[in-house]
Structures are given as C-alpha cells and as structure tokens.
C-alpha atoms as a PDB file:
ATOM      1  CA  UNK A   1     -57.955 -24.547  -2.147  1.00  0.00           C
ATOM      2  CA  UNK A   2     -59.905 -21.089  -0.385  1.00  0.00           C
ATOM      3  CA  UNK A   3     -58.410 -18.795   1.765  1.00  0.00           C
ATOM      4  CA  UNK A   4     -60.730 -16.934   4.111  1.00  0.00           C
ATOM      5  CA  UNK A   5     -59.488 -14.012   5.904  1.00  0.00           C
ATOM      6  CA  UNK A   6     -62.018 -12.710   8.799  1.00  0.00           C
ATOM      7  CA  UNK A   7     -61.743  -8.814   9.746  1.00  0.00           C
ATOM      8  CA  UNK A   8     -63.499  -6.279  12.184  1.00  0.00           C
ATOM      9  CA  UNK A   9     -63.582  -7.833  15.051  1.00  0.00           C
ATOM     10  CA  UNK A  10     -62.532  -5.755  18.191  1.00  0.00           C
ATOM     11  CA  UNK A  11     -64.061  -4.707  21.409  1.00  0.00           C
ATOM     12  CA  UNK A  12     -67.009  -2.862  22.045  1.00  0.00           C
ATOM     13  CA  UNK A  13     -69.315  -2.001  24.414  1.00  0.00           C
ATOM     14  CA  UNK A  14     -72.716  -3.268  25.003  1.00  0.00           C
ATOM     15  CA  UNK A  15     -75.636  -2.324  22.468  1.00  0.00           C
ATOM     16  CA  UNK A  16     -72.798  -1.362  20.327  1.00  0.00           C
ATOM     17  CA  UNK A  17     -72.373  -2.948  16.732  1.00  0.00           C
ATOM     18  CA  UNK A  18     -69.441  -4.118  14.511  1.00  0.00           C
ATOM     19  CA  UNK A  19     -69.382  -5.784  10.991  1.00  0.00           C
ATOM     20  CA  UNK A  20     -66.888  -8.848  10.223  1.00  0.00           C
ATOM     21  CA  UNK A  21     -65.867  -9.118   6.680  1.00  0.00           C
ATOM     22  CA  UNK A  22     -65.139 -12.058   5.380  1.00  0.00           C
ATOM     23  CA  UNK A  23     -62.635 -11.983   1.998  1.00  0.00           C
ATOM     24  CA  UNK A  24     -61.894 -15.345  -0.021  1.00  0.00           C
ATOM     25  CA  UNK A  25     -59.532 -15.947  -2.295  1.00  0.00           C
ATOM     26  CA  UNK A  26     -57.985 -18.786  -4.345  1.00  0.00           C
ATOM     27  CA  UNK A  27     -59.523 -21.172  -6.166  1.00  0.00           C
ATOM     28  CA  UNK A  28     -62.976 -20.167  -6.800  1.00  0.00           C
ATOM     29  CA  UNK A  29     -66.518 -22.319  -7.048  1.00  0.00           C
ATOM     30  CA  UNK A  30     -69.720 -21.621  -9.227  1.00  0.00           C
ATOM     31  CA  UNK A  31     -71.260 -21.717  -6.433  1.00  0.00           C
ATOM     32  CA  UNK A  32     -71.033 -22.548  -2.661  1.00  0.00           C
ATOM     33  CA  UNK A  33     -72.247 -21.375   0.737  1.00  0.00           C
ATOM     34  CA  UNK A  34     -70.624 -19.199   3.485  1.00  0.00           C
ATOM     35  CA  UNK A  35     -71.178 -19.625   7.165  1.00  0.00           C
ATOM     36  CA  UNK A  36     -70.126 -17.882  10.387  1.00  0.00           C
ATOM     37  CA  UNK A  37     -69.364 -19.738  13.660  1.00  0.00           C
ATOM     38  CA  UNK A  38     -68.636 -18.330  16.861  1.00  0.00           C
ATOM     39  CA  UNK A  39     -66.611 -20.357  19.711  1.00  0.00           C
ATOM     40  CA  UNK A  40     -66.316 -18.635  23.173  1.00  0.00           C
ATOM     41  CA  UNK A  41     -63.874 -19.548  26.062  1.00  0.00           C
ATOM     42  CA  UNK A  42     -64.743 -22.980  27.290  1.00  0.00           C
ATOM     43  CA  UNK A  43     -67.525 -23.657  24.803  1.00  0.00           C
ATOM     44  CA  UNK A  44     -68.442 -25.696  21.660  1.00  0.00           C
ATOM     45  CA  UNK A  45     -67.682 -24.324  18.616  1.00  0.00           C
ATOM     46  CA  UNK A  46     -71.828 -22.443  17.510  1.00  0.00           C
ATOM     47  CA  UNK A  47     -73.417 -21.435  14.563  1.00  0.00           C
ATOM     48  CA  UNK A  48     -74.532 -17.935  13.910  1.00  0.00           C
ATOM     49  CA  UNK A  49     -75.979 -17.741   9.846  1.00  0.00           C
ATOM     50  CA  UNK A  50     -75.378 -19.248   6.748  1.00  0.00           C
ATOM     51  CA  UNK A  51     -75.856 -17.429   3.305  1.00  0.00           C
ATOM     52  CA  UNK A  52     -75.968 -19.656  -0.061  1.00  0.00           C
ATOM     53  CA  UNK A  53     -73.824 -17.691  -2.380  1.00  0.00           C
ATOM     54  CA  UNK A  54     -75.800 -17.757  -5.635  1.00  0.00           C
ATOM     55  CA  UNK A  55     -79.111 -16.673  -4.052  1.00  0.00           C
ATOM     56  CA  UNK A  56     -78.338 -14.737  -0.817  1.00  0.00           C
ATOM     57  CA  UNK A  57     -80.829 -16.736   1.069  1.00  0.00           C
ATOM     58  CA  UNK A  58     -80.361 -16.993   5.023  1.00  0.00           C
ATOM     59  CA  UNK A  59     -80.712 -18.472   7.934  1.00  0.00           C
ATOM     60  CA  UNK A  60     -79.887 -17.542  11.634  1.00  0.00           C
ATOM     61  CA  UNK A  61     -79.451 -18.794  15.403  1.00  0.00           C
ATOM     62  CA  UNK A  62     -82.002 -18.150  17.359  1.00  0.00           C
ATOM     63  CA  UNK A  63     -79.305 -15.976  19.361  1.00  0.00           C
ATOM     64  CA  UNK A  64     -78.862 -13.538  16.728  1.00  0.00           C
ATOM     65  CA  UNK A  65     -82.194 -13.040  14.869  1.00  0.00           C
ATOM     66  CA  UNK A  66     -83.118  -9.512  14.545  1.00  0.00           C
ATOM     67  CA  UNK A  67     -79.722  -8.239  15.383  1.00  0.00           C
ATOM     68  CA  UNK A  68     -77.401  -9.819  12.928  1.00  0.00           C
ATOM     69  CA  UNK A  69     -77.525  -9.700   9.348  1.00  0.00           C
ATOM     70  CA  UNK A  70     -75.817 -11.390   7.008  1.00  0.00           C
ATOM     71  CA  UNK A  71     -74.883 -10.345   3.503  1.00  0.00           C
ATOM     72  CA  UNK A  72     -72.150 -10.926   0.450  1.00  0.00           C
ATOM     73  CA  UNK A  73     -70.570  -9.188  -2.181  1.00  0.00           C
ATOM     74  CA  UNK A  74     -70.025 -11.785  -4.887  1.00  0.00           C
ATOM     75  CA  UNK A  75     -67.858  -9.329  -6.793  1.00  0.00           C
ATOM     76  CA  UNK A  76     -65.291  -8.743  -3.860  1.00  0.00           C
ATOM     77  CA  UNK A  77     -65.706 -12.234  -2.773  1.00  0.00           C
ATOM     78  CA  UNK A  78     -66.617 -11.053   0.354  1.00  0.00           C
ATOM     79  CA  UNK A  79     -69.067 -11.654   2.972  1.00  0.00           C
ATOM     80  CA  UNK A  80     -70.697  -9.503   5.881  1.00  0.00           C
ATOM     81  CA  UNK A  81     -71.955  -9.889   8.987  1.00  0.00           C
ATOM     82  CA  UNK A  82     -73.694  -6.973  11.035  1.00  0.00           C
ATOM     83  CA  UNK A  83     -73.956  -7.730  14.479  1.00  0.00           C
ATOM     84  CA  UNK A  84     -75.809  -4.696  16.127  1.00  0.00           C
ATOM     85  CA  UNK A  85     -77.502  -4.620  20.015  1.00  0.00           C
ATOM     86  CA  UNK A  86     -74.279  -6.441  20.842  1.00  0.00           C
ATOM     87  CA  UNK A  87     -74.305  -8.076  24.109  1.00  0.00           C
ATOM     88  CA  UNK A  88     -71.434  -9.517  27.124  1.00  0.00           C
ATOM     89  CA  UNK A  89     -72.818 -13.096  25.911  1.00  0.00           C
ATOM     90  CA  UNK A  90     -71.627 -12.245  21.942  1.00  0.00           C
ATOM     91  CA  UNK A  91     -68.022 -12.575  23.581  1.00  0.00           C
ATOM     92  CA  UNK A  92     -66.312 -15.061  21.023  1.00  0.00           C
ATOM     93  CA  UNK A  93     -63.867 -15.671  18.205  1.00  0.00           C
ATOM     94  CA  UNK A  94     -65.867 -15.784  15.139  1.00  0.00           C
ATOM     95  CA  UNK A  95     -65.203 -17.820  12.081  1.00  0.00           C
ATOM     96  CA  UNK A  96     -66.149 -17.786   8.912  1.00  0.00           C
ATOM     97  CA  UNK A  97     -66.459 -20.919   6.688  1.00  0.00           C
ATOM     98  CA  UNK A  98     -67.110 -21.570   3.173  1.00  0.00           C
ATOM     99  CA  UNK A  99     -69.209 -25.065   1.951  1.00  0.00           C
ATOM    100  CA  UNK A 100     -68.891 -26.075  -1.573  1.00  0.00           C
ATOM    101  CA  UNK A 101     -72.642 -26.599  -3.081  1.00  0.00           C
ATOM    102  CA  UNK A 102     -75.363 -25.224  -3.562  1.00  0.00           C
ATOM    103  CA  UNK A 103     -77.128 -24.660  -0.300  1.00  0.00           C
ATOM    104  CA  UNK A 104     -76.192 -23.621   2.847  1.00  0.00           C
ATOM    105  CA  UNK A 105     -75.828 -25.114   6.200  1.00  0.00           C
ATOM    106  CA  UNK A 106     -76.159 -24.664  10.130  1.00  0.00           C
ATOM    107  CA  UNK A 107     -73.675 -27.854  10.309  1.00  0.00           C
ATOM    108  CA  UNK A 108     -70.161 -26.972  10.806  1.00  0.00           C
ATOM    109  CA  UNK A 109     -69.095 -30.659   9.605  1.00  0.00           C
ATOM    110  CA  UNK A 110     -70.760 -29.499   6.079  1.00  0.00           C
ATOM    111  CA  UNK A 111     -68.142 -26.629   5.862  1.00  0.00           C
ATOM    112  CA  UNK A 112     -64.923 -27.089   3.835  1.00  0.00           C
ATOM    113  CA  UNK A 113     -62.577 -24.497   4.398  1.00  0.00           C
ATOM    114  CA  UNK A 114     -62.350 -22.095   7.443  1.00  0.00           C
ATOM    115  CA  UNK A 115     -60.645 -18.642   8.234  1.00  0.00           C
ATOM    116  CA  UNK A 116     -58.737 -18.319  11.574  1.00  0.00           C
ATOM    117  CA  UNK A 117     -61.184 -16.324  13.331  1.00  0.00           C
ATOM    118  CA  UNK A 118     -61.132 -13.063  14.625  1.00  0.00           C
ATOM    119  CA  UNK A 119     -62.305 -11.502  18.179  1.00  0.00           C
ATOM    120  CA  UNK A 120     -65.116  -9.970  19.378  1.00  0.00           C
ATOM    121  CA  UNK A 121     -64.951  -8.764  22.884  1.00  0.00           C
ATOM    122  CA  UNK A 122     -68.136  -7.118  23.979  1.00  0.00           C
ATOM    123  CA  UNK A 123     -68.044  -5.519  27.343  1.00  0.00           C
ATOM    124  CA  UNK A 124     -70.745  -4.592  30.198  1.00  0.00           C
END
C-alpha cells in the first residue's frame, strides 16, 4: 500500500499563488508516476498535471499551462504543484495520485492510489 497525503491548500485571492505538496509513504516502487487532479462542486474530477517519477517528464492540462508547475523530490518522496496566477475557477479539491509504472497519464483510471485531497479556494 502507498499512502498519499496532500497539504498546502487554503484560501487565496485571485492572482495569488499556492504550492501543494503530496508526500508518499508505505511501499515504494522503483518507478511510478504522479498526477494531480481536481474536483469542483457539482463537476467531474479533472486532470491537472502529471510527472513521471524517474525522468521528471511533465504534462499539463490546458487550464494550467503557463501557470502551474509540478515537480518532485525523489529523496523526500514528495511531489509538488506550484500554482501561480490563480483564478476563481481554480477553486476545487485537489488530489494527488500515484500510478505504478514508468509512464505518466492524464487518465484518472490509470492511477492506483489517491490522497484525501486538499481544498483550494480562490476569491475574486
């Protein structure tokens, strides 16, 4: 089992920044990818960003390109999501997820483990 714990959410004004963290613990894998997803009230969960663990390759949803950056610290088993220029429409619960395997994915169904989520609220 892998446990994922997100932190760093909160209330921020529009155009502000937040950095989310996702710490992984438990069973470790030689290679796996991490993803960030979000879910706003009344909406489907949607992809935000993903990063391969070994090579650091990243991929972003169009909504976050140029504003969001995901990175990882392998030594700390932690993944980050830096969010800049936040908009009210970014308000959602943000989840990190772990996918066993080398390649990243934008599909939620590809992920094996999920965190509990952290609330991000952007006021106008």
